[in-house]
Amino acid sequence: GGQWNSGGHCHKEVEPIMNDAYLSPQPREMKLAEKVIGKMRTPVTYLNITKLTDYRKDAHPSIYTSPKIVPEKFQDCSHWCLPGIPDTWNELL
């Protein structure tokens, strides 16, 4: 939390996970989508932003996973602080 441009912090912000073994397994639906896209006649480029996002330290919601935290003092940096995760996706496009 904190005032604009004051250096604040994101509650529960952690360093990115650099070892794939610690990341959540890819959901079955994502694997199926990749399989279908791979068989399409028309070439389609698919960017798995879910896995990409896991590597960012601001990619993990804070107050929305712990209802006990006072929302006025903390924020969800992945959605409310800029530049954030969605901005990174836009840069890739």
PDB file of N, CA and C in Angstrom:
ATOM      1  N   GLY A   1       0.810  -1.174   0.000  1.00  0.00           N
ATOM      2  CA  GLY A   1       0.000   0.000   0.000  1.00  0.00           C
ATOM      3  C   GLY A   1       0.854   1.238   0.000  1.00  0.00           C
ATOM      4  N   GLY A   2       0.239   2.373   0.055  1.00  0.00           N
ATOM      5  CA  GLY A   2       0.959   3.632   0.086  1.00  0.00           C
ATOM      6  C   GLY A   2       0.380   4.616  -0.903  1.00  0.00           C
ATOM      7  N   GLN A   3       0.822   5.842  -0.789  1.00  0.00           N
ATOM      8  CA  GLN A   3       0.378   6.880  -1.708  1.00  0.00           C
ATOM      9  C   GLN A   3       1.061   6.698  -3.057  1.00  0.00           C
ATOM     10  N   TRP A   4       0.478   7.289  -4.094  1.00  0.00           N
ATOM     11  CA  TRP A   4       1.019   7.196  -5.438  1.00  0.00           C
ATOM     12  C   TRP A   4       2.488   7.621  -5.459  1.00  0.00           C
ATOM     13  N   ASN A   5       3.298   6.838  -6.099  1.00  0.00           N
ATOM     14  CA  ASN A   5       4.711   7.119  -6.331  1.00  0.00           C
ATOM     15  C   ASN A   5       5.504   7.261  -5.028  1.00  0.00           C
ATOM     16  N   SER A   6       5.075   6.568  -3.983  1.00  0.00           N
ATOM     17  CA  SER A   6       5.776   6.649  -2.701  1.00  0.00           C
ATOM     18  C   SER A   6       6.613   5.400  -2.423  1.00  0.00           C
ATOM     19  N   GLY A   7       6.645   4.509  -3.360  1.00  0.00           N
ATOM     20  CA  GLY A   7       7.434   3.300  -3.192  1.00  0.00           C
ATOM     21  C   GLY A   7       6.708   2.162  -2.523  1.00  0.00           C
ATOM     22  N   GLY A   8       5.471   2.323  -2.103  1.00  0.00           N
ATOM     23  CA  GLY A   8       4.647   1.307  -1.437  1.00  0.00           C
ATOM     24  C   GLY A   8       5.095  -0.132  -1.628  1.00  0.00           C
ATOM     25  N   HIS A   9       4.251  -1.069  -1.308  1.00  0.00           N
ATOM     26  CA  HIS A   9       4.575  -2.479  -1.453  1.00  0.00           C
ATOM     27  C   HIS A   9       3.310  -3.265  -1.771  1.00  0.00           C
ATOM     28  N   CYS A  10       3.502  -4.446  -2.266  1.00  0.00           N
ATOM     29  CA  CYS A  10       2.387  -5.335  -2.554  1.00  0.00           C
ATOM     30  C   CYS A  10       2.394  -6.453  -1.533  1.00  0.00           C
ATOM     31  N   HIS A  11       1.309  -6.592  -0.804  1.00  0.00           N
ATOM     32  CA  HIS A  11       1.223  -7.618   0.223  1.00  0.00           C
ATOM     33  C   HIS A  11       1.379  -9.002  -0.396  1.00  0.00           C
ATOM     34  N   LYS A  12       2.124  -9.847   0.264  1.00  0.00           N
ATOM     35  CA  LYS A  12       2.377 -11.218  -0.174  1.00  0.00           C
ATOM     36  C   LYS A  12       3.128 -11.286  -1.496  1.00  0.00           C
ATOM     37  N   GLU A  13       3.800 -10.212  -1.870  1.00  0.00           N
ATOM     38  CA  GLU A  13       4.589 -10.234  -3.095  1.00  0.00           C
ATOM     39  C   GLU A  13       5.809 -11.117  -2.861  1.00  0.00           C
ATOM     40  N   VAL A  14       6.051 -12.019  -3.771  1.00  0.00           N
ATOM     41  CA  VAL A  14       7.173 -12.943  -3.640  1.00  0.00           C
ATOM     42  C   VAL A  14       8.022 -12.896  -4.903  1.00  0.00           C
ATOM     43  N   GLU A  15       9.233 -13.389  -4.791  1.00  0.00           N
ATOM     44  CA  GLU A  15      10.099 -13.448  -5.960  1.00  0.00           C
ATOM     45  C   GLU A  15       9.512 -14.440  -6.961  1.00  0.00           C
ATOM     46  N   PRO A  16       9.814 -14.250  -8.241  1.00  0.00           N
ATOM     47  CA  PRO A  16       9.286 -15.184  -9.243  1.00  0.00           C
ATOM     48  C   PRO A  16       9.856 -16.589  -9.040  1.00  0.00           C
ATOM     49  N   ILE A  17       9.104 -17.569  -9.468  1.00  0.00           N
ATOM     50  CA  ILE A  17       9.549 -18.956  -9.387  1.00  0.00           C
ATOM     51  C   ILE A  17      10.349 -19.252 -10.649  1.00  0.00           C
ATOM     52  N   MET A  18      11.599 -19.592 -10.490  1.00  0.00           N
ATOM     53  CA  MET A  18      12.463 -19.824 -11.640  1.00  0.00           C
ATOM     54  C   MET A  18      12.600 -21.309 -11.993  1.00  0.00           C
ATOM     55  N   ASN A  19      12.147 -22.190 -11.118  1.00  0.00           N
ATOM     56  CA  ASN A  19      12.264 -23.624 -11.344  1.00  0.00           C
ATOM     57  C   ASN A  19      10.895 -24.171 -11.737  1.00  0.00           C
ATOM     58  N   ASP A  20      10.763 -24.687 -12.957  1.00  0.00           N
ATOM     59  CA  ASP A  20       9.486 -25.214 -13.448  1.00  0.00           C
ATOM     60  C   ASP A  20       8.884 -26.281 -12.541  1.00  0.00           C
ATOM     61  N   ALA A  21       9.700 -26.998 -11.809  1.00  0.00           N
ATOM     62  CA  ALA A  21       9.203 -28.071 -10.952  1.00  0.00           C
ATOM     63  C   ALA A  21       8.266 -27.541  -9.866  1.00  0.00           C
ATOM     64  N   TYR A  22       8.383 -26.270  -9.499  1.00  0.00           N
ATOM     65  CA  TYR A  22       7.555 -25.695  -8.439  1.00  0.00           C
ATOM     66  C   TYR A  22       6.275 -25.040  -8.958  1.00  0.00           C
ATOM     67  N   LEU A  23       6.158 -24.880 -10.270  1.00  0.00           N
ATOM     68  CA  LEU A  23       4.965 -24.250 -10.834  1.00  0.00           C
ATOM     69  C   LEU A  23       3.811 -25.240 -10.850  1.00  0.00           C
ATOM     70  N   SER A  24       2.602 -24.712 -10.828  1.00  0.00           N
ATOM     71  CA  SER A  24       1.421 -25.570 -10.879  1.00  0.00           C
ATOM     72  C   SER A  24       1.381 -26.296 -12.216  1.00  0.00           C
ATOM     73  N   PRO A  25       0.904 -27.540 -12.211  1.00  0.00           N
ATOM     74  CA  PRO A  25       0.790 -28.243 -13.491  1.00  0.00           C
ATOM     75  C   PRO A  25      -0.221 -27.541 -14.392  1.00  0.00           C
ATOM     76  N   GLN A  26       0.014 -27.634 -15.669  1.00  0.00           N
ATOM     77  CA  GLN A  26      -0.874 -26.994 -16.632  1.00  0.00           C
ATOM     78  C   GLN A  26      -2.230 -27.695 -16.608  1.00  0.00           C
ATOM     79  N   PRO A  27      -3.321 -26.923 -16.554  1.00  0.00           N
ATOM     80  CA  PRO A  27      -4.653 -27.539 -16.532  1.00  0.00           C
ATOM     81  C   PRO A  27      -4.905 -28.388 -17.784  1.00  0.00           C
ATOM     82  N   ARG A  28      -5.710 -29.396 -17.620  1.00  0.00           N
ATOM     83  CA  ARG A  28      -6.054 -30.314 -18.715  1.00  0.00           C
ATOM     84  C   ARG A  28      -6.620 -29.560 -19.910  1.00  0.00           C
ATOM     85  N   GLU A  29      -7.442 -28.546 -19.642  1.00  0.00           N
ATOM     86  CA  GLU A  29      -8.062 -27.779 -20.731  1.00  0.00           C
ATOM     87  C   GLU A  29      -7.015 -27.045 -21.568  1.00  0.00           C
ATOM     88  N   MET A  30      -5.959 -26.565 -20.918  1.00  0.00           N
ATOM     89  CA  MET A  30      -4.896 -25.861 -21.646  1.00  0.00           C
ATOM     90  C   MET A  30      -4.150 -26.834 -22.557  1.00  0.00           C
ATOM     91  N   LYS A  31      -3.869 -28.017 -22.049  1.00  0.00           N
ATOM     92  CA  LYS A  31      -3.182 -29.028 -22.858  1.00  0.00           C
ATOM     93  C   LYS A  31      -4.037 -29.416 -24.058  1.00  0.00           C
ATOM     94  N   LEU A  32      -5.334 -29.557 -23.840  1.00  0.00           N
ATOM     95  CA  LEU A  32      -6.248 -29.903 -24.925  1.00  0.00           C
ATOM     96  C   LEU A  32      -6.283 -28.794 -25.974  1.00  0.00           C
ATOM     97  N   ALA A  33      -6.356 -27.546 -25.532  1.00  0.00           N
ATOM     98  CA  ALA A  33      -6.366 -26.413 -26.469  1.00  0.00           C
ATOM     99  C   ALA A  33      -5.089 -26.398 -27.306  1.00  0.00           C
ATOM    100  N   GLU A  34      -3.949 -26.626 -26.684  1.00  0.00           N
ATOM    101  CA  GLU A  34      -2.680 -26.657 -27.416  1.00  0.00           C
ATOM    102  C   GLU A  34      -2.666 -27.782 -28.445  1.00  0.00           C
ATOM    103  N   LYS A  35      -3.219 -28.922 -28.084  1.00  0.00           N
ATOM    104  CA  LYS A  35      -3.273 -30.064 -28.997  1.00  0.00           C
ATOM    105  C   LYS A  35      -4.140 -29.739 -30.213  1.00  0.00           C
ATOM    106  N   VAL A  36      -5.308 -29.144 -29.979  1.00  0.00           N
ATOM    107  CA  VAL A  36      -6.216 -28.782 -31.071  1.00  0.00           C
ATOM    108  C   VAL A  36      -5.577 -27.729 -31.972  1.00  0.00           C
ATOM    109  N   ILE A  37      -4.979 -26.711 -31.376  1.00  0.00           N
ATOM    110  CA  ILE A  37      -4.329 -25.650 -32.154  1.00  0.00           C
ATOM    111  C   ILE A  37      -3.204 -26.231 -33.006  1.00  0.00           C
ATOM    112  N   GLY A  38      -2.470 -27.176 -32.466  1.00  0.00           N
ATOM    113  CA  GLY A  38      -1.370 -27.793 -33.198  1.00  0.00           C
ATOM    114  C   GLY A  38      -1.812 -28.579 -34.414  1.00  0.00           C
ATOM    115  N   LYS A  39      -3.067 -29.012 -34.449  1.00  0.00           N
ATOM    116  CA  LYS A  39      -3.590 -29.802 -35.566  1.00  0.00           C
ATOM    117  C   LYS A  39      -4.358 -28.961 -36.586  1.00  0.00           C
ATOM    118  N   MET A  40      -4.493 -27.664 -36.351  1.00  0.00           N
ATOM    119  CA  MET A  40      -5.273 -26.809 -37.255  1.00  0.00           C
ATOM    120  C   MET A  40      -4.553 -26.623 -38.588  1.00  0.00           C
ATOM    121  N   ARG A  41      -5.323 -26.539 -39.673  1.00  0.00           N
ATOM    122  CA  ARG A  41      -4.745 -26.308 -41.002  1.00  0.00           C
ATOM    123  C   ARG A  41      -4.202 -24.895 -41.125  1.00  0.00           C
ATOM    124  N   THR A  42      -4.958 -23.949 -40.602  1.00  0.00           N
ATOM    125  CA  THR A  42      -4.514 -22.553 -40.621  1.00  0.00           C
ATOM    126  C   THR A  42      -3.547 -22.354 -39.456  1.00  0.00           C
ATOM    127  N   PRO A  43      -2.344 -21.859 -39.744  1.00  0.00           N
ATOM    128  CA  PRO A  43      -1.380 -21.670 -38.656  1.00  0.00           C
ATOM    129  C   PRO A  43      -1.893 -20.678 -37.603  1.00  0.00           C
ATOM    130  N   VAL A  44      -1.792 -21.065 -36.363  1.00  0.00           N
ATOM    131  CA  VAL A  44      -2.217 -20.221 -35.249  1.00  0.00           C
ATOM    132  C   VAL A  44      -1.057 -20.129 -34.263  1.00  0.00           C
ATOM    133  N   THR A  45      -0.763 -18.912 -33.836  1.00  0.00           N
ATOM    134  CA  THR A  45       0.263 -18.724 -32.822  1.00  0.00           C
ATOM    135  C   THR A  45      -0.424 -18.622 -31.469  1.00  0.00           C
ATOM    136  N   TYR A  46       0.026 -19.418 -30.542  1.00  0.00           N
ATOM    137  CA  TYR A  46      -0.575 -19.485 -29.212  1.00  0.00           C
ATOM    138  C   TYR A  46       0.480 -19.097 -28.183  1.00  0.00           C
ATOM    139  N   LEU A  47       0.156 -18.133 -27.344  1.00  0.00           N
ATOM    140  CA  LEU A  47       1.061 -17.710 -26.289  1.00  0.00           C
ATOM    141  C   LEU A  47       0.425 -18.047 -24.947  1.00  0.00           C
ATOM    142  N   ASN A  48       1.041 -18.911 -24.203  1.00  0.00           N
ATOM    143  CA  ASN A  48       0.513 -19.334 -22.910  1.00  0.00           C
ATOM    144  C   ASN A  48       0.862 -18.270 -21.868  1.00  0.00           C
ATOM    145  N   ILE A  49      -0.031 -17.304 -21.684  1.00  0.00           N
ATOM    146  CA  ILE A  49       0.236 -16.222 -20.735  1.00  0.00           C
ATOM    147  C   ILE A  49       0.092 -16.683 -19.290  1.00  0.00           C
ATOM    148  N   THR A  50      -0.588 -17.799 -19.078  1.00  0.00           N
ATOM    149  CA  THR A  50      -0.718 -18.319 -17.718  1.00  0.00           C
ATOM    150  C   THR A  50       0.647 -18.722 -17.181  1.00  0.00           C
ATOM    151  N   LYS A  51       1.369 -19.497 -17.951  1.00  0.00           N
ATOM    152  CA  LYS A  51       2.699 -19.923 -17.518  1.00  0.00           C
ATOM    153  C   LYS A  51       3.640 -18.724 -17.453  1.00  0.00           C
ATOM    154  N   LEU A  52       3.566 -17.855 -18.433  1.00  0.00           N
ATOM    155  CA  LEU A  52       4.402 -16.658 -18.455  1.00  0.00           C
ATOM    156  C   LEU A  52       4.174 -15.817 -17.199  1.00  0.00           C
ATOM    157  N   THR A  53       2.930 -15.668 -16.817  1.00  0.00           N
ATOM    158  CA  THR A  53       2.568 -14.850 -15.668  1.00  0.00           C
ATOM    159  C   THR A  53       3.090 -15.438 -14.356  1.00  0.00           C
ATOM    160  N   ASP A  54       3.121 -16.758 -14.253  1.00  0.00           N
ATOM    161  CA  ASP A  54       3.605 -17.403 -13.026  1.00  0.00           C
ATOM    162  C   ASP A  54       5.008 -16.967 -12.641  1.00  0.00           C
ATOM    163  N   TYR A  55       5.803 -16.547 -13.609  1.00  0.00           N
ATOM    164  CA  TYR A  55       7.188 -16.179 -13.330  1.00  0.00           C
ATOM    165  C   TYR A  55       7.330 -14.789 -12.708  1.00  0.00           C
ATOM    166  N   ARG A  56       6.281 -13.961 -12.775  1.00  0.00           N
ATOM    167  CA  ARG A  56       6.373 -12.602 -12.231  1.00  0.00           C
ATOM    168  C   ARG A  56       6.049 -12.583 -10.750  1.00  0.00           C
ATOM    169  N   LYS A  57       6.786 -11.783  -9.999  1.00  0.00           N
ATOM    170  CA  LYS A  57       6.550 -11.747  -8.555  1.00  0.00           C
ATOM    171  C   LYS A  57       5.269 -11.006  -8.191  1.00  0.00           C
ATOM    172  N   ASP A  58       4.723 -10.208  -9.104  1.00  0.00           N
ATOM    173  CA  ASP A  58       3.459  -9.520  -8.832  1.00  0.00           C
ATOM    174  C   ASP A  58       2.274 -10.253  -9.453  1.00  0.00           C
ATOM    175  N   ALA A  59       2.476 -11.507  -9.821  1.00  0.00           N
ATOM    176  CA  ALA A  59       1.433 -12.257 -10.513  1.00  0.00           C
ATOM    177  C   ALA A  59       0.465 -12.971  -9.585  1.00  0.00           C
ATOM    178  N   HIS A  60       0.686 -12.863  -8.311  1.00  0.00           N
ATOM    179  CA  HIS A  60      -0.120 -13.627  -7.375  1.00  0.00           C
ATOM    180  C   HIS A  60      -1.001 -12.693  -6.556  1.00  0.00           C
ATOM    181  N   PRO A  61      -2.343 -12.765  -6.716  1.00  0.00           N
ATOM    182  CA  PRO A  61      -3.243 -11.867  -6.005  1.00  0.00           C
ATOM    183  C   PRO A  61      -3.008 -11.903  -4.502  1.00  0.00           C
ATOM    184  N   SER A  62      -3.148 -10.755  -3.883  1.00  0.00           N
ATOM    185  CA  SER A  62      -2.871 -10.680  -2.449  1.00  0.00           C
ATOM    186  C   SER A  62      -4.137 -10.737  -1.616  1.00  0.00           C
ATOM    187  N   ILE A  63      -4.862  -9.635  -1.505  1.00  0.00           N
ATOM    188  CA  ILE A  63      -5.994  -9.582  -0.573  1.00  0.00           C
ATOM    189  C   ILE A  63      -7.128 -10.517  -0.955  1.00  0.00           C
ATOM    190  N   TYR A  64      -7.177 -10.948  -2.212  1.00  0.00           N
ATOM    191  CA  TYR A  64      -8.296 -11.777  -2.643  1.00  0.00           C
ATOM    192  C   TYR A  64      -8.117 -13.239  -2.272  1.00  0.00           C
ATOM    193  N   THR A  65      -6.954 -13.607  -1.750  1.00  0.00           N
ATOM    194  CA  THR A  65      -6.752 -14.981  -1.297  1.00  0.00           C
ATOM    195  C   THR A  65      -6.820 -15.090   0.219  1.00  0.00           C
ATOM    196  N   SER A  66      -6.828 -13.966   0.910  1.00  0.00           N
ATOM    197  CA  SER A  66      -6.851 -13.963   2.377  1.00  0.00           C
ATOM    198  C   SER A  66      -7.841 -12.915   2.877  1.00  0.00           C
ATOM    199  N   PRO A  67      -9.088 -13.309   3.137  1.00  0.00           N
ATOM    200  CA  PRO A  67     -10.098 -12.334   3.542  1.00  0.00           C
ATOM    201  C   PRO A  67      -9.803 -11.625   4.855  1.00  0.00           C
ATOM    202  N   LYS A  68      -8.849 -12.107   5.651  1.00  0.00           N
ATOM    203  CA  LYS A  68      -8.557 -11.490   6.942  1.00  0.00           C
ATOM    204  C   LYS A  68      -7.774 -10.187   6.805  1.00  0.00           C
ATOM    205  N   ILE A  69      -7.145  -9.980   5.681  1.00  0.00           N
ATOM    206  CA  ILE A  69      -6.297  -8.802   5.488  1.00  0.00           C
ATOM    207  C   ILE A  69      -7.165  -7.557   5.279  1.00  0.00           C
ATOM    208  N   VAL A  70      -6.772  -6.450   5.859  1.00  0.00           N
ATOM    209  CA  VAL A  70      -7.502  -5.191   5.718  1.00  0.00           C
ATOM    210  C   VAL A  70      -7.239  -4.628   4.315  1.00  0.00           C
ATOM    211  N   PRO A  71      -8.245  -4.598   3.430  1.00  0.00           N
ATOM    212  CA  PRO A  71      -8.037  -4.162   2.049  1.00  0.00           C
ATOM    213  C   PRO A  71      -7.490  -2.743   1.916  1.00  0.00           C
ATOM    214  N   GLU A  72      -7.787  -1.860   2.863  1.00  0.00           N
ATOM    215  CA  GLU A  72      -7.327  -0.479   2.757  1.00  0.00           C
ATOM    216  C   GLU A  72      -5.806  -0.374   2.863  1.00  0.00           C
ATOM    217  N   LYS A  73      -5.167  -1.371   3.442  1.00  0.00           N
ATOM    218  CA  LYS A  73      -3.721  -1.309   3.662  1.00  0.00           C
ATOM    219  C   LYS A  73      -2.915  -2.077   2.622  1.00  0.00           C
ATOM    220  N   PHE A  74      -3.561  -2.889   1.827  1.00  0.00           N
ATOM    221  CA  PHE A  74      -2.851  -3.718   0.864  1.00  0.00           C
ATOM    222  C   PHE A  74      -3.594  -3.715  -0.463  1.00  0.00           C
ATOM    223  N   GLN A  75      -2.926  -4.101  -1.509  1.00  0.00           N
ATOM    224  CA  GLN A  75      -3.565  -4.141  -2.819  1.00  0.00           C
ATOM    225  C   GLN A  75      -3.141  -5.379  -3.584  1.00  0.00           C
ATOM    226  N   ASP A  76      -3.851  -5.626  -4.639  1.00  0.00           N
ATOM    227  CA  ASP A  76      -3.557  -6.726  -5.545  1.00  0.00           C
ATOM    228  C   ASP A  76      -2.737  -6.134  -6.683  1.00  0.00           C
ATOM    229  N   CYS A  77      -1.439  -6.234  -6.597  1.00  0.00           N
ATOM    230  CA  CYS A  77      -0.556  -5.577  -7.564  1.00  0.00           C
ATOM    231  C   CYS A  77      -0.682  -6.144  -8.967  1.00  0.00           C
ATOM    232  N   SER A  78      -1.171  -7.360  -9.097  1.00  0.00           N
ATOM    233  CA  SER A  78      -1.250  -7.920 -10.438  1.00  0.00           C
ATOM    234  C   SER A  78      -2.337  -7.254 -11.267  1.00  0.00           C
ATOM    235  N   HIS A  79      -3.298  -6.610 -10.632  1.00  0.00           N
ATOM    236  CA  HIS A  79      -4.384  -5.988 -11.383  1.00  0.00           C
ATOM    237  C   HIS A  79      -4.487  -4.478 -11.208  1.00  0.00           C
ATOM    238  N   TRP A  80      -4.036  -3.945 -10.086  1.00  0.00           N
ATOM    239  CA  TRP A  80      -4.301  -2.542  -9.795  1.00  0.00           C
ATOM    240  C   TRP A  80      -3.088  -1.630  -9.868  1.00  0.00           C
ATOM    241  N   CYS A  81      -1.892  -2.167  -9.918  1.00  0.00           N
ATOM    242  CA  CYS A  81      -0.690  -1.338  -9.984  1.00  0.00           C
ATOM    243  C   CYS A  81      -0.108  -1.407 -11.387  1.00  0.00           C
ATOM    244  N   LEU A  82       0.281  -0.277 -11.916  1.00  0.00           N
ATOM    245  CA  LEU A  82       0.824  -0.235 -13.273  1.00  0.00           C
ATOM    246  C   LEU A  82       2.294   0.114 -13.241  1.00  0.00           C
ATOM    247  N   PRO A  83       3.109  -0.409 -14.132  1.00  0.00           N
ATOM    248  CA  PRO A  83       2.731  -1.438 -15.097  1.00  0.00           C
ATOM    249  C   PRO A  83       2.572  -2.786 -14.398  1.00  0.00           C
ATOM    250  N   GLY A  84       1.667  -3.566 -14.894  1.00  0.00           N
ATOM    251  CA  GLY A  84       1.384  -4.851 -14.269  1.00  0.00           C
ATOM    252  C   GLY A  84       1.312  -5.968 -15.290  1.00  0.00           C
ATOM    253  N   ILE A  85       0.749  -7.066 -14.870  1.00  0.00           N
ATOM    254  CA  ILE A  85       0.665  -8.258 -15.711  1.00  0.00           C
ATOM    255  C   ILE A  85      -0.027  -7.980 -17.049  1.00  0.00           C
ATOM    256  N   PRO A  86      -1.244  -7.383 -17.058  1.00  0.00           N
ATOM    257  CA  PRO A  86      -1.902  -7.135 -18.344  1.00  0.00           C
ATOM    258  C   PRO A  86      -1.078  -6.234 -19.265  1.00  0.00           C
ATOM    259  N   ASP A  87      -0.314  -5.315 -18.706  1.00  0.00           N
ATOM    260  CA  ASP A  87       0.532  -4.449 -19.527  1.00  0.00           C
ATOM    261  C   ASP A  87       1.630  -5.263 -20.208  1.00  0.00           C
ATOM    262  N   THR A  88       2.151  -6.247 -19.511  1.00  0.00           N
ATOM    263  CA  THR A  88       3.166  -7.122 -20.105  1.00  0.00           C
ATOM    264  C   THR A  88       2.571  -7.898 -21.266  1.00  0.00           C
ATOM    265  N   TRP A  89       1.359  -8.409 -21.097  1.00  0.00           N
ATOM    266  CA  TRP A  89       0.714  -9.139 -22.189  1.00  0.00           C
ATOM    267  C   TRP A  89       0.551  -8.226 -23.401  1.00  0.00           C
ATOM    268  N   ASN A  90       0.118  -6.991 -23.160  1.00  0.00           N
ATOM    269  CA  ASN A  90      -0.065  -6.039 -24.265  1.00  0.00           C
ATOM    270  C   ASN A  90       1.244  -5.746 -24.982  1.00  0.00           C
ATOM    271  N   GLU A  91       2.339  -5.652 -24.244  1.00  0.00           N
ATOM    272  CA  GLU A  91       3.642  -5.401 -24.866  1.00  0.00           C
ATOM    273  C   GLU A  91       4.023  -6.538 -25.806  1.00  0.00           C
ATOM    274  N   LEU A  92       3.662  -7.754 -25.445  1.00  0.00           N
ATOM    275  CA  LEU A  92       3.987  -8.903 -26.284  1.00  0.00           C
ATOM    276  C   LEU A  92       3.224  -8.881 -27.600  1.00  0.00           C
ATOM    277  N   LEU A  93       2.030  -8.304 -27.567  1.00  0.00           N
ATOM    278  CA  LEU A  93       1.222  -8.235 -28.788  1.00  0.00           C
ATOM    279  C   LEU A  93       1.749  -7.153 -29.696  1.00  0.00           C
TER     280      LEU A  93
END
